[in-house]
Amino acid sequence: MNNVPKKSWSLATIKRKIIKKFYDNNSILDESARINIRRIFYLSIIAIPLRIIDICLFSFKENYDTLVLKTWSQGIIISHFILLILMVGFFLTTLKLKNRTESNTAMFVLQYIVVVVIMASGIAIVTFDQLVTTNITPFILVCIISGAIFLIRPLISFVMYVASYVAYYYSIALTITEQQVLLSNRVNGITAIGIGFLLSIIMWHYNYINITQKRRIEIQQKQLEQLAYYDSLTG
């Protein structure tokens, strides 16, 4: 009989903690969105010239003899070109948004669009790469970049990484013919997703602590200013 209340209390406690965590994460969404917009701006500045260099390297390469090599080269060029166009768009958009002091809907939506684009580009490139190589470096890189650069709340980050893995899981099967290689790359993809998600959680938690501490300091400073003001009146 004593076990029932204890179990109910335990479930209620877990529920309260989950709700509290949800609202705690909600409390820093505005600041996180503004930080992400600035990071997208600087990321696009770096990504644009790199995409141009990649396109030039593949474009000026010698003609490929086989259909497989031509497909691989054209696929990589098209992937980088699409990413280049999108990055230019992100640059122009964040150029207008990065100095805003208040977050708006465009900022919230844009940060998620950028993560989706980056993950999709990595999946596309690694899919074409499987025509000539077995490595999945592009996918690993986009997982790490997305987790380390962008501040995405854990629940949404989890959904994004799971969706990315599902897309990766089926996409690489389009260009990999050997089942052993396919299985190996799918397993390695899980590791890449895990590392990216772990980085995302760490960055979000670190950002949460920084923002809440900053708010606490600001409140304390205002209280000290008020005390100093009243002391000057009564002194």
C-alpha atoms as a PDB file:
ATOM      1  CA  MET A   1       0.000   0.000   0.000  1.00  0.00           C
ATOM      2  CA  ASN A   2       2.849   2.387   0.793  1.00  0.00           C
ATOM      3  CA  ASN A   3       4.381   1.888  -2.630  1.00  0.00           C
ATOM      4  CA  VAL A   4       1.492   3.517  -4.507  1.00  0.00           C
ATOM      5  CA  PRO A   5       1.793   7.026  -3.015  1.00  0.00           C
ATOM      6  CA  LYS A   6       5.558   6.848  -3.382  1.00  0.00           C
ATOM      7  CA  LYS A   7       5.239   5.970  -7.072  1.00  0.00           C
ATOM      8  CA  SER A   8       2.678   8.726  -7.630  1.00  0.00           C
ATOM      9  CA  TRP A   9       4.933  11.251  -5.885  1.00  0.00           C
ATOM     10  CA  SER A  10       7.858  10.122  -8.004  1.00  0.00           C
ATOM     11  CA  LEU A  11       5.915  10.499 -11.254  1.00  0.00           C
ATOM     12  CA  ALA A  12       4.614  13.878 -10.152  1.00  0.00           C
ATOM     13  CA  THR A  13       8.142  15.017  -9.348  1.00  0.00           C
ATOM     14  CA  ILE A  14       9.412  13.889 -12.733  1.00  0.00           C
ATOM     15  CA  LYS A  15       6.508  15.670 -14.418  1.00  0.00           C
ATOM     16  CA  ARG A  16       7.249  18.899 -12.526  1.00  0.00           C
ATOM     17  CA  LYS A  17      10.922  18.715 -13.463  1.00  0.00           C
ATOM     18  CA  ILE A  18      10.080  18.177 -17.128  1.00  0.00           C
ATOM     19  CA  ILE A  19       7.653  21.113 -17.122  1.00  0.00           C
ATOM     20  CA  LYS A  20      10.178  23.309 -15.303  1.00  0.00           C
ATOM     21  CA  LYS A  21      12.901  22.364 -17.787  1.00  0.00           C
ATOM     22  CA  PHE A  22      10.561  23.143 -20.665  1.00  0.00           C
ATOM     23  CA  TYR A  23       9.818  26.630 -19.336  1.00  0.00           C
ATOM     24  CA  ASP A  24      13.476  27.203 -18.451  1.00  0.00           C
ATOM     25  CA  ASN A  25      14.438  26.469 -22.050  1.00  0.00           C
ATOM     26  CA  ASN A  26      11.641  28.715 -23.297  1.00  0.00           C
ATOM     27  CA  SER A  27      13.012  31.581 -21.228  1.00  0.00           C
ATOM     28  CA  ILE A  28      16.198  31.868 -23.311  1.00  0.00           C
ATOM     29  CA  LEU A  29      14.762  31.332 -26.790  1.00  0.00           C
ATOM     30  CA  ASP A  30      14.866  35.030 -27.700  1.00  0.00           C
ATOM     31  CA  GLU A  31      18.521  35.467 -26.758  1.00  0.00           C
ATOM     32  CA  SER A  32      19.469  32.194 -28.454  1.00  0.00           C
ATOM     33  CA  ALA A  33      17.766  33.243 -31.694  1.00  0.00           C
ATOM     34  CA  ARG A  34      19.679  36.537 -31.782  1.00  0.00           C
ATOM     35  CA  ILE A  35      22.959  34.721 -31.128  1.00  0.00           C
ATOM     36  CA  ASN A  36      22.185  32.220 -33.892  1.00  0.00           C
ATOM     37  CA  ILE A  37      21.440  34.994 -36.385  1.00  0.00           C
ATOM     38  CA  ARG A  38      24.824  36.590 -35.734  1.00  0.00           C
ATOM     39  CA  ARG A  39      26.534  33.217 -36.062  1.00  0.00           C
ATOM     40  CA  ILE A  40      24.738  32.533 -39.346  1.00  0.00           C
ATOM     41  CA  PHE A  41      25.990  35.884 -40.621  1.00  0.00           C
ATOM     42  CA  TYR A  42      29.626  35.074 -39.846  1.00  0.00           C
ATOM     43  CA  LEU A  43      29.261  31.476 -41.005  1.00  0.00           C
ATOM     44  CA  SER A  44      27.945  32.638 -44.382  1.00  0.00           C
ATOM     45  CA  ILE A  45      30.926  34.985 -44.771  1.00  0.00           C
ATOM     46  CA  ILE A  46      33.224  31.966 -44.429  1.00  0.00           C
ATOM     47  CA  ALA A  47      31.045  29.510 -46.344  1.00  0.00           C
ATOM     48  CA  ILE A  48      30.507  31.629 -49.479  1.00  0.00           C
ATOM     49  CA  PRO A  49      34.172  31.820 -50.618  1.00  0.00           C
ATOM     50  CA  LEU A  50      34.737  28.183 -49.655  1.00  0.00           C
ATOM     51  CA  ARG A  51      31.813  27.089 -51.832  1.00  0.00           C
ATOM     52  CA  ILE A  52      33.190  29.132 -54.743  1.00  0.00           C
ATOM     53  CA  ILE A  53      36.605  27.502 -54.355  1.00  0.00           C
ATOM     54  CA  ASP A  54      35.060  24.019 -54.244  1.00  0.00           C
ATOM     55  CA  ILE A  55      33.022  24.691 -57.383  1.00  0.00           C
ATOM     56  CA  CYS A  56      36.073  26.009 -59.228  1.00  0.00           C
ATOM     57  CA  LEU A  57      38.198  23.019 -58.237  1.00  0.00           C
ATOM     58  CA  PHE A  58      35.650  20.572 -59.618  1.00  0.00           C
ATOM     59  CA  SER A  59      34.788  22.692 -62.673  1.00  0.00           C
ATOM     60  CA  PHE A  60      38.371  23.057 -63.899  1.00  0.00           C
ATOM     61  CA  LYS A  61      39.223  19.427 -63.294  1.00  0.00           C
ATOM     62  CA  GLU A  62      40.071  17.252 -66.286  1.00  0.00           C
ATOM     63  CA  ASN A  63      37.207  15.555 -68.098  1.00  0.00           C
ATOM     64  CA  TYR A  64      36.143  12.340 -66.445  1.00  0.00           C
ATOM     65  CA  ASP A  65      36.132   9.212 -68.576  1.00  0.00           C
ATOM     66  CA  THR A  66      33.365   7.182 -66.966  1.00  0.00           C
ATOM     67  CA  LEU A  67      29.707   7.986 -66.381  1.00  0.00           C
ATOM     68  CA  VAL A  68      30.100   7.335 -62.658  1.00  0.00           C
ATOM     69  CA  LEU A  69      32.863   9.929 -62.318  1.00  0.00           C
ATOM     70  CA  LYS A  70      30.895  12.453 -64.357  1.00  0.00           C
ATOM     71  CA  THR A  71      27.806  11.898 -62.205  1.00  0.00           C
ATOM     72  CA  TRP A  72      29.881  12.302 -59.058  1.00  0.00           C
ATOM     73  CA  SER A  73      31.532  15.519 -60.272  1.00  0.00           C
ATOM     74  CA  GLN A  74      28.295  17.074 -61.503  1.00  0.00           C
ATOM     75  CA  GLY A  75      26.465  16.091 -58.320  1.00  0.00           C
ATOM     76  CA  ILE A  76      29.108  17.703 -56.124  1.00  0.00           C
ATOM     77  CA  ILE A  77      29.151  20.890 -58.219  1.00  0.00           C
ATOM     78  CA  ILE A  78      25.353  21.190 -58.161  1.00  0.00           C
ATOM     79  CA  SER A  79      25.248  20.559 -54.394  1.00  0.00           C
ATOM     80  CA  HIS A  80      27.853  23.244 -53.699  1.00  0.00           C
ATOM     81  CA  PHE A  81      26.204  25.670 -56.130  1.00  0.00           C
ATOM     82  CA  ILE A  82      22.798  25.331 -54.451  1.00  0.00           C
ATOM     83  CA  LEU A  83      24.439  25.755 -51.047  1.00  0.00           C
ATOM     84  CA  LEU A  84      26.292  28.832 -52.350  1.00  0.00           C
ATOM     85  CA  ILE A  85      23.048  30.467 -53.514  1.00  0.00           C
ATOM     86  CA  LEU A  86      21.363  29.728 -50.190  1.00  0.00           C
ATOM     87  CA  MET A  87      24.342  31.032 -48.212  1.00  0.00           C
ATOM     88  CA  VAL A  88      24.249  34.300 -50.157  1.00  0.00           C
ATOM     89  CA  GLY A  89      20.568  34.549 -49.277  1.00  0.00           C
ATOM     90  CA  PHE A  90      21.318  33.838 -45.612  1.00  0.00           C
ATOM     91  CA  PHE A  91      24.056  36.477 -45.631  1.00  0.00           C
ATOM     92  CA  LEU A  92      21.773  39.168 -47.050  1.00  0.00           C
ATOM     93  CA  THR A  93      18.975  38.247 -44.649  1.00  0.00           C
ATOM     94  CA  THR A  94      21.119  38.155 -41.513  1.00  0.00           C
ATOM     95  CA  LEU A  95      22.809  41.393 -42.563  1.00  0.00           C
ATOM     96  CA  LYS A  96      19.484  43.087 -41.837  1.00  0.00           C
ATOM     97  CA  LEU A  97      18.594  41.038 -38.766  1.00  0.00           C
ATOM     98  CA  LYS A  98      21.861  40.709 -36.845  1.00  0.00           C
ATOM     99  CA  ASN A  99      21.661  44.097 -35.112  1.00  0.00           C
ATOM    100  CA  ARG A 100      18.082  43.750 -33.899  1.00  0.00           C
ATOM    101  CA  THR A 101      17.657  43.925 -30.132  1.00  0.00           C
ATOM    102  CA  GLU A 102      14.412  41.943 -30.145  1.00  0.00           C
ATOM    103  CA  SER A 103      13.743  38.600 -31.798  1.00  0.00           C
ATOM    104  CA  ASN A 104      10.999  38.184 -34.384  1.00  0.00           C
ATOM    105  CA  THR A 105       9.387  35.303 -36.246  1.00  0.00           C
ATOM    106  CA  ALA A 106      11.805  35.568 -39.169  1.00  0.00           C
ATOM    107  CA  MET A 107      14.771  35.034 -36.851  1.00  0.00           C
ATOM    108  CA  PHE A 108      13.204  31.990 -35.199  1.00  0.00           C
ATOM    109  CA  VAL A 109      12.331  30.390 -38.535  1.00  0.00           C
ATOM    110  CA  LEU A 110      15.631  31.251 -40.226  1.00  0.00           C
ATOM    111  CA  GLN A 111      17.811  29.576 -37.597  1.00  0.00           C
ATOM    112  CA  TYR A 112      16.045  26.251 -38.158  1.00  0.00           C
ATOM    113  CA  ILE A 113      16.066  26.613 -41.942  1.00  0.00           C
ATOM    114  CA  VAL A 114      19.836  27.124 -41.906  1.00  0.00           C
ATOM    115  CA  VAL A 115      20.415  23.992 -39.821  1.00  0.00           C
ATOM    116  CA  VAL A 116      18.193  21.956 -42.151  1.00  0.00           C
ATOM    117  CA  VAL A 117      20.019  23.313 -45.221  1.00  0.00           C
ATOM    118  CA  ILE A 118      23.441  22.530 -43.757  1.00  0.00           C
ATOM    119  CA  MET A 119      22.443  18.999 -42.778  1.00  0.00           C
ATOM    120  CA  ALA A 120      20.783  18.404 -46.162  1.00  0.00           C
ATOM    121  CA  SER A 121      23.861  19.636 -48.027  1.00  0.00           C
ATOM    122  CA  GLY A 122      26.084  17.261 -46.085  1.00  0.00           C
ATOM    123  CA  ILE A 123      23.765  14.349 -46.845  1.00  0.00           C
ATOM    124  CA  ALA A 124      23.624  15.240 -50.544  1.00  0.00           C
ATOM    125  CA  ILE A 125      27.392  15.584 -50.879  1.00  0.00           C
ATOM    126  CA  VAL A 126      28.163  12.383 -48.995  1.00  0.00           C
ATOM    127  CA  THR A 127      25.604  10.533 -51.131  1.00  0.00           C
ATOM    128  CA  PHE A 128      27.380  11.564 -54.338  1.00  0.00           C
ATOM    129  CA  ASP A 129      30.757  10.849 -52.725  1.00  0.00           C
ATOM    130  CA  GLN A 130      29.777   7.213 -52.251  1.00  0.00           C
ATOM    131  CA  LEU A 131      30.138   6.799 -56.022  1.00  0.00           C
ATOM    132  CA  VAL A 132      33.923   7.098 -55.687  1.00  0.00           C
ATOM    133  CA  THR A 133      34.762   6.703 -51.992  1.00  0.00           C
ATOM    134  CA  THR A 134      33.478   5.089 -48.808  1.00  0.00           C
ATOM    135  CA  ASN A 135      34.206   7.930 -46.372  1.00  0.00           C
ATOM    136  CA  ILE A 136      31.394  10.013 -44.860  1.00  0.00           C
ATOM    137  CA  THR A 137      33.436  13.057 -43.849  1.00  0.00           C
ATOM    138  CA  PRO A 138      30.913  15.637 -45.170  1.00  0.00           C
ATOM    139  CA  PHE A 139      28.144  14.147 -43.026  1.00  0.00           C
ATOM    140  CA  ILE A 140      30.361  14.048 -39.946  1.00  0.00           C
ATOM    141  CA  LEU A 141      31.350  17.680 -40.500  1.00  0.00           C
ATOM    142  CA  VAL A 142      27.786  18.990 -40.826  1.00  0.00           C
ATOM    143  CA  CYS A 143      26.762  17.089 -37.689  1.00  0.00           C
ATOM    144  CA  ILE A 144      29.603  18.682 -35.724  1.00  0.00           C
ATOM    145  CA  ILE A 145      29.112  22.157 -37.240  1.00  0.00           C
ATOM    146  CA  SER A 146      25.380  22.176 -36.512  1.00  0.00           C
ATOM    147  CA  GLY A 147      25.908  21.003 -32.948  1.00  0.00           C
ATOM    148  CA  ALA A 148      28.835  23.286 -32.130  1.00  0.00           C
ATOM    149  CA  ILE A 149      27.703  26.527 -33.774  1.00  0.00           C
ATOM    150  CA  PHE A 150      23.931  26.732 -33.401  1.00  0.00           C
ATOM    151  CA  LEU A 151      22.027  27.018 -30.144  1.00  0.00           C
ATOM    152  CA  ILE A 152      19.023  24.751 -30.610  1.00  0.00           C
ATOM    153  CA  ARG A 153      16.905  23.563 -27.696  1.00  0.00           C
ATOM    154  CA  PRO A 154      17.477  19.837 -26.995  1.00  0.00           C
ATOM    155  CA  LEU A 155      14.013  18.613 -28.007  1.00  0.00           C
ATOM    156  CA  ILE A 156      14.120  20.282 -31.431  1.00  0.00           C
ATOM    157  CA  SER A 157      17.769  19.318 -31.849  1.00  0.00           C
ATOM    158  CA  PHE A 158      16.894  15.685 -31.175  1.00  0.00           C
ATOM    159  CA  VAL A 159      14.140  15.742 -33.799  1.00  0.00           C
ATOM    160  CA  MET A 160      16.450  17.378 -36.350  1.00  0.00           C
ATOM    161  CA  TYR A 161      19.244  14.883 -35.820  1.00  0.00           C
ATOM    162  CA  VAL A 162      16.919  11.885 -35.958  1.00  0.00           C
ATOM    163  CA  ALA A 163      15.316  13.199 -39.164  1.00  0.00           C
ATOM    164  CA  SER A 164      18.774  13.838 -40.615  1.00  0.00           C
ATOM    165  CA  TYR A 165      19.877  10.304 -39.848  1.00  0.00           C
ATOM    166  CA  VAL A 166      16.762   8.844 -41.465  1.00  0.00           C
ATOM    167  CA  ALA A 167      17.457  10.899 -44.610  1.00  0.00           C
ATOM    168  CA  TYR A 168      21.128   9.864 -44.522  1.00  0.00           C
ATOM    169  CA  TYR A 169      20.215   6.208 -43.926  1.00  0.00           C
ATOM    170  CA  TYR A 170      18.151   5.975 -47.102  1.00  0.00           C
ATOM    171  CA  SER A 171      20.115   8.428 -49.260  1.00  0.00           C
ATOM    172  CA  ILE A 172      23.462   6.635 -49.150  1.00  0.00           C
ATOM    173  CA  ALA A 173      21.716   3.418 -50.185  1.00  0.00           C
ATOM    174  CA  LEU A 174      21.095   5.059 -53.572  1.00  0.00           C
ATOM    175  CA  THR A 175      24.798   5.106 -54.451  1.00  0.00           C
ATOM    176  CA  ILE A 176      26.354   2.316 -52.363  1.00  0.00           C
ATOM    177  CA  THR A 177      26.224  -1.131 -53.951  1.00  0.00           C
ATOM    178  CA  GLU A 178      28.210  -3.169 -51.414  1.00  0.00           C
ATOM    179  CA  GLN A 179      26.092  -4.152 -48.419  1.00  0.00           C
ATOM    180  CA  GLN A 180      29.085  -4.296 -46.065  1.00  0.00           C
ATOM    181  CA  VAL A 181      30.048  -0.712 -46.887  1.00  0.00           C
ATOM    182  CA  LEU A 182      26.425   0.403 -46.571  1.00  0.00           C
ATOM    183  CA  LEU A 183      26.095  -1.172 -43.129  1.00  0.00           C
ATOM    184  CA  SER A 184      29.426   0.281 -41.987  1.00  0.00           C
ATOM    185  CA  ASN A 185      28.513   3.799 -43.105  1.00  0.00           C
ATOM    186  CA  ARG A 186      25.082   3.580 -41.517  1.00  0.00           C
ATOM    187  CA  VAL A 187      26.670   2.583 -38.206  1.00  0.00           C
ATOM    188  CA  ASN A 188      29.261   5.358 -38.506  1.00  0.00           C
ATOM    189  CA  GLY A 189      26.414   7.754 -39.249  1.00  0.00           C
ATOM    190  CA  ILE A 190      24.881   6.942 -35.863  1.00  0.00           C
ATOM    191  CA  THR A 191      28.170   7.937 -34.227  1.00  0.00           C
ATOM    192  CA  ALA A 192      28.236  11.212 -36.165  1.00  0.00           C
ATOM    193  CA  ILE A 193      24.662  11.981 -35.128  1.00  0.00           C
ATOM    194  CA  GLY A 194      25.452  11.140 -31.508  1.00  0.00           C
ATOM    195  CA  ILE A 195      28.485  13.439 -31.435  1.00  0.00           C
ATOM    196  CA  GLY A 196      26.543  16.283 -33.028  1.00  0.00           C
ATOM    197  CA  PHE A 197      23.606  15.914 -30.646  1.00  0.00           C
ATOM    198  CA  LEU A 198      25.932  15.767 -27.637  1.00  0.00           C
ATOM    199  CA  LEU A 199      27.657  18.972 -28.772  1.00  0.00           C
ATOM    200  CA  SER A 200      24.259  20.588 -29.251  1.00  0.00           C
ATOM    201  CA  ILE A 201      23.186  19.730 -25.692  1.00  0.00           C
ATOM    202  CA  ILE A 202      26.477  20.976 -24.231  1.00  0.00           C
ATOM    203  CA  MET A 203      26.313  24.271 -26.134  1.00  0.00           C
ATOM    204  CA  TRP A 204      22.673  24.820 -25.176  1.00  0.00           C
ATOM    205  CA  HIS A 205      23.355  24.123 -21.487  1.00  0.00           C
ATOM    206  CA  TYR A 206      26.422  26.388 -21.502  1.00  0.00           C
ATOM    207  CA  ASN A 207      24.408  29.134 -23.164  1.00  0.00           C
ATOM    208  CA  TYR A 208      21.548  28.692 -20.669  1.00  0.00           C
ATOM    209  CA  ILE A 209      23.919  29.110 -17.728  1.00  0.00           C
ATOM    210  CA  ASN A 210      25.525  32.206 -19.264  1.00  0.00           C
ATOM    211  CA  ILE A 211      22.217  33.917 -20.007  1.00  0.00           C
ATOM    212  CA  THR A 212      20.654  33.162 -16.617  1.00  0.00           C
ATOM    213  CA  GLN A 213      23.788  34.324 -14.794  1.00  0.00           C
ATOM    214  CA  LYS A 214      23.831  37.523 -16.841  1.00  0.00           C
ATOM    215  CA  ARG A 215      20.198  38.176 -15.952  1.00  0.00           C
ATOM    216  CA  ARG A 216      20.899  37.546 -12.276  1.00  0.00           C
ATOM    217  CA  ILE A 217      23.805  39.990 -12.324  1.00  0.00           C
ATOM    218  CA  GLU A 218      21.666  42.634 -14.039  1.00  0.00           C
ATOM    219  CA  ILE A 219      18.942  42.233 -11.405  1.00  0.00           C
ATOM    220  CA  GLN A 220      21.496  42.548  -8.601  1.00  0.00           C
ATOM    221  CA  GLN A 221      22.984  45.658 -10.206  1.00  0.00           C
ATOM    222  CA  LYS A 222      19.547  47.270 -10.452  1.00  0.00           C
ATOM    223  CA  GLN A 223      18.879  46.445  -6.809  1.00  0.00           C
ATOM    224  CA  LEU A 224      22.203  48.003  -5.796  1.00  0.00           C
ATOM    225  CA  GLU A 225      21.428  51.105  -7.850  1.00  0.00           C
ATOM    226  CA  GLN A 226      18.048  51.421  -6.164  1.00  0.00           C
ATOM    227  CA  LEU A 227      19.617  51.013  -2.721  1.00  0.00           C
ATOM    228  CA  ALA A 228      22.237  53.632  -3.539  1.00  0.00           C
ATOM    229  CA  TYR A 229      19.507  55.993  -4.762  1.00  0.00           C
ATOM    230  CA  TYR A 230      17.413  55.603  -1.606  1.00  0.00           C
ATOM    231  CA  ASP A 231      20.509  55.933   0.594  1.00  0.00           C
ATOM    232  CA  SER A 232      21.344  59.221  -1.091  1.00  0.00           C
ATOM    233  CA  LEU A 233      17.822  60.466  -0.405  1.00  0.00           C
ATOM    234  CA  THR A 234      17.840  59.440   3.251  1.00  0.00           C
ATOM    235  CA  GLY A 235      21.467  60.326   3.882  1.00  0.00           C
END
